[in-house]
Protein backbone atom coordinates (compact mmCIF):
# COMPACT_ATOMS: atom_id res chain seq x y z
CA MET A 1 0.00 0.00 0.00
CA ARG A 2 1.68 3.23 -1.20
CA LEU A 3 0.53 6.37 0.61
CA THR A 4 1.31 10.09 0.48
CA LEU A 5 1.96 12.02 3.68
CA GLN A 6 0.72 15.60 3.90
CA PRO A 7 2.61 18.48 5.53
CA HIS A 8 0.91 20.12 8.50
CA PRO A 9 -0.44 23.46 7.22
CA ASP A 10 1.18 25.41 10.08
CA TRP A 11 4.58 23.61 9.95
CA PRO A 12 5.28 22.60 6.34
CA GLY A 13 9.06 23.27 6.20
CA ASP A 14 10.66 24.13 2.88
CA ALA A 15 13.37 21.52 2.26
CA VAL A 16 11.03 18.56 1.69
CA THR A 17 8.79 18.52 -1.37
CA GLY A 18 7.10 15.20 -0.61
CA ILE A 19 7.01 12.07 1.54
CA GLU A 20 5.59 8.76 0.38
CA ALA A 21 5.26 5.69 2.55
CA GLU A 22 4.53 2.03 2.01
CA ALA A 23 3.15 -0.40 4.59
CA LEU A 24 2.75 -4.14 4.17
CA ARG A 25 1.75 -6.88 6.59
CA THR A 26 3.34 -10.24 5.90
CA ALA A 27 1.86 -13.68 6.61
CA ARG A 28 4.68 -14.21 9.15
CA GLY A 29 3.33 -11.41 11.38
CA GLU A 30 5.79 -8.78 10.24
CA LEU A 31 5.24 -5.21 9.19
CA GLU A 32 7.38 -3.79 6.40
CA LEU A 33 7.60 -0.01 6.15
CA CYS A 34 9.31 2.24 3.65
CA TYR A 35 9.46 6.04 3.80
CA SER A 36 10.71 8.02 0.79
CA VAL A 37 11.54 11.70 1.24
CA THR A 38 12.13 13.95 -1.78
CA GLY A 39 13.50 17.48 -1.94
CA ALA A 40 16.67 19.13 -0.68
CA VAL A 41 17.64 16.16 1.49
CA ASP A 42 21.11 17.62 2.06
CA GLU A 43 19.33 20.38 4.05
CA LEU A 44 17.89 17.81 6.49
CA LEU A 45 19.40 17.06 9.87
CA MET A 46 19.91 13.30 9.78
CA PRO A 47 21.65 11.63 12.70
CA PRO A 48 24.51 9.33 11.67
CA PHE A 49 23.73 5.63 11.23
CA THR A 50 24.64 3.74 14.41
CA GLN A 51 23.83 0.59 16.35
CA SER A 52 20.15 -0.34 16.14
CA VAL A 53 18.94 -0.06 19.74
CA ARG A 54 15.74 0.94 21.53
CA THR A 55 15.95 4.68 22.32
CA ASP A 56 13.38 7.08 23.79
CA GLY A 57 12.78 10.65 22.59
CA LEU A 58 13.42 9.98 18.91
CA TRP A 59 10.46 12.17 17.89
CA ARG A 60 12.40 15.27 19.00
CA HIS A 61 14.40 15.11 15.76
CA THR A 62 13.97 13.55 12.32
CA CYS A 63 11.88 10.46 12.95
CA PHE A 64 9.43 8.29 11.04
CA GLU A 65 6.43 6.90 12.90
CA ALA A 66 3.72 4.30 12.52
CA PHE A 67 0.60 4.00 14.67
CA LEU A 68 -1.38 0.74 14.71
CA ARG A 69 -4.75 -0.01 16.28
CA ALA A 70 -7.11 -2.98 16.15
CA PRO A 71 -10.65 -2.29 14.93
CA GLN A 72 -13.08 -1.17 17.66
CA SER A 73 -10.25 -0.65 20.14
CA ASP A 74 -9.01 2.45 21.93
CA ALA A 75 -5.61 0.83 22.58
CA TYR A 76 -2.87 1.41 20.03
CA TYR A 77 0.87 1.08 19.35
CA GLU A 78 3.36 3.76 18.37
CA LEU A 79 6.55 2.84 16.51
CA ASN A 80 9.38 5.38 16.15
CA LEU A 81 12.12 4.82 13.57
CA ALA A 82 15.12 7.14 13.33
CA PRO A 83 17.55 7.53 10.42
CA SER A 84 20.27 6.51 12.90
CA SER A 85 18.63 3.01 13.02
CA GLN A 86 17.55 3.61 16.62
CA TRP A 87 13.92 2.76 17.35
CA ALA A 88 11.20 2.72 19.99
CA ALA A 89 7.86 0.97 20.44
CA TYR A 90 5.10 1.95 22.86
CA HIS A 91 1.65 0.69 23.79
CA PHE A 92 -1.15 3.06 24.85
CA ASP A 93 -4.43 2.02 26.51
CA SER A 94 -6.24 4.96 24.88
CA TYR A 95 -5.48 8.43 23.49
CA ARG A 96 -2.12 9.37 25.10
CA ASP A 97 -3.05 7.36 28.22
CA GLY A 98 -1.41 4.32 29.81
CA MET A 99 1.86 4.55 27.87
CA ARG A 100 4.33 1.72 28.34
CA ILE A 101 7.11 0.07 26.36
CA ALA A 102 5.85 -2.46 23.82
CA ASP A 103 7.72 -5.72 23.85
CA ILE A 104 9.00 -6.32 20.33
CA PRO A 105 12.32 -7.70 19.09
CA ALA A 106 14.94 -5.46 17.53
CA ILE A 107 13.91 -3.62 14.40
CA ALA A 108 15.95 -3.92 11.20
CA ILE A 109 16.41 -0.49 9.61
CA ALA A 110 18.23 0.38 6.39
CA ALA A 111 18.61 3.82 4.84
CA SER A 112 20.01 5.31 1.64
CA THR A 113 20.33 8.68 -0.07
CA ASN A 114 20.37 9.12 -3.81
CA GLY A 115 20.47 12.72 -5.03
CA GLY A 116 17.27 14.43 -3.93
CA ARG A 117 15.78 11.30 -2.37
CA TYR A 118 16.20 9.74 1.08
CA GLU A 119 14.73 6.30 1.75
CA MET A 120 14.34 4.35 4.98
CA ARG A 121 13.16 0.74 5.15
CA ALA A 122 12.22 -1.08 8.33
CA GLY A 123 11.12 -4.63 9.09
CA LEU A 124 9.31 -5.28 12.37
CA ASP A 125 8.23 -8.56 13.96
CA LEU A 126 4.85 -7.74 15.52
CA THR A 127 3.82 -11.26 16.57
CA ALA A 128 4.18 -10.39 20.29
CA LEU A 129 1.75 -7.46 20.06
CA ASP A 130 -1.90 -7.67 20.97
CA LEU A 131 -3.16 -7.09 17.43
CA PRO A 132 -5.42 -9.52 15.56
CA THR A 133 -3.63 -11.33 12.76
CA GLU A 134 -6.78 -12.03 10.72
CA ALA A 135 -8.34 -8.55 10.83
CA PRO A 136 -7.33 -5.25 9.25
CA TRP A 137 -5.66 -2.63 11.45
CA ARG A 138 -6.17 1.12 11.59
CA LEU A 139 -2.97 2.80 10.44
CA GLY A 140 -1.38 6.18 10.96
CA LEU A 141 1.92 7.04 9.29
CA SER A 142 3.81 10.21 10.08
CA ALA A 143 7.18 11.93 10.09
CA VAL A 144 8.98 14.68 11.95
CA ILE A 145 11.55 16.26 9.65
CA GLU A 146 14.24 18.52 11.10
CA GLN A 147 16.19 20.83 8.83
CA ARG A 148 19.81 21.80 9.49
CA ASP A 149 18.64 25.28 10.54
CA GLY A 150 16.54 23.71 13.34
CA ARG A 151 13.11 24.19 11.74
CA LYS A 152 10.81 21.18 11.83
CA SER A 153 7.99 20.07 9.59
CA PHE A 154 5.31 17.55 10.54
CA TRP A 155 3.90 15.11 7.99
CA ALA A 156 1.04 12.61 8.30
CA LEU A 157 -1.61 10.81 6.28
CA ALA A 158 -4.09 13.31 7.79
CA HIS A 159 -3.91 16.05 10.42
CA PRO A 160 -6.41 17.18 13.04
CA ARG A 161 -7.10 20.90 13.36
CA GLY A 162 -4.67 22.87 15.50
CA GLN A 163 -1.37 21.52 16.80
CA ALA A 164 0.35 18.60 15.10
CA ASP A 165 -0.79 15.50 17.02
CA PHE A 166 -0.02 12.13 15.47
CA HIS A 167 -1.88 10.31 18.29
CA HIS A 168 -5.19 11.95 17.35
CA GLU A 169 -8.00 9.81 15.94
CA ASP A 170 -7.87 11.73 12.62
CA CYS A 171 -4.32 10.47 12.01
CA PHE A 172 -5.41 6.81 11.93
CA ALA A 173 -6.47 7.58 8.39
CA ARG A 174 -6.04 4.26 6.59
CA GLN A 175 -6.87 0.61 7.00
CA LEU A 176 -4.01 -1.86 6.68
CA PRO A 177 -5.41 -5.13 5.31
CA ALA A 178 -4.64 -8.47 6.92
CA ALA A 179 -1.85 -10.42 5.29
CA GLU A 180 -2.69 -13.13 2.81
CA PRO A 181 -2.01 -16.60 4.27
CA LEU A 182 1.05 -18.45 2.97
């Protein structure tokens, strides 16, 4: 599923001209994500690639995010993926309430830059999460993009009115179909 992220109208930035994302559920219980950023990528503040470890606070700088929720549930998961290959996963009982670390194995992240395009790919094993394997999930994809001059832009499939808030119901804008059985 290829999707286009929209800039927040109050914080669009000027270095990025577009962000596309792909999300795919595999029959093995994995989620494959790809984010493609186009524009003046050399103007973006990208942390250097390092050891892939769980790290909090990634959303304070350039970070790609995915939000997953089962149908008819208030509980959801937030996944943060940094260009450095650091990552985080959280579980919430409801809108910004009951936050705790989600127990998932290490996340494989790869990144590349080619001219005016930056691409990050991530593979996540979600079998330990409390999400139904046979049902579609509600999906929110987003990105915080920091430019070298410190300005940030906020991108998502959809934005609520007012402040950028990727946890908001409006941001769970797509349905991610169940994987086809092997």
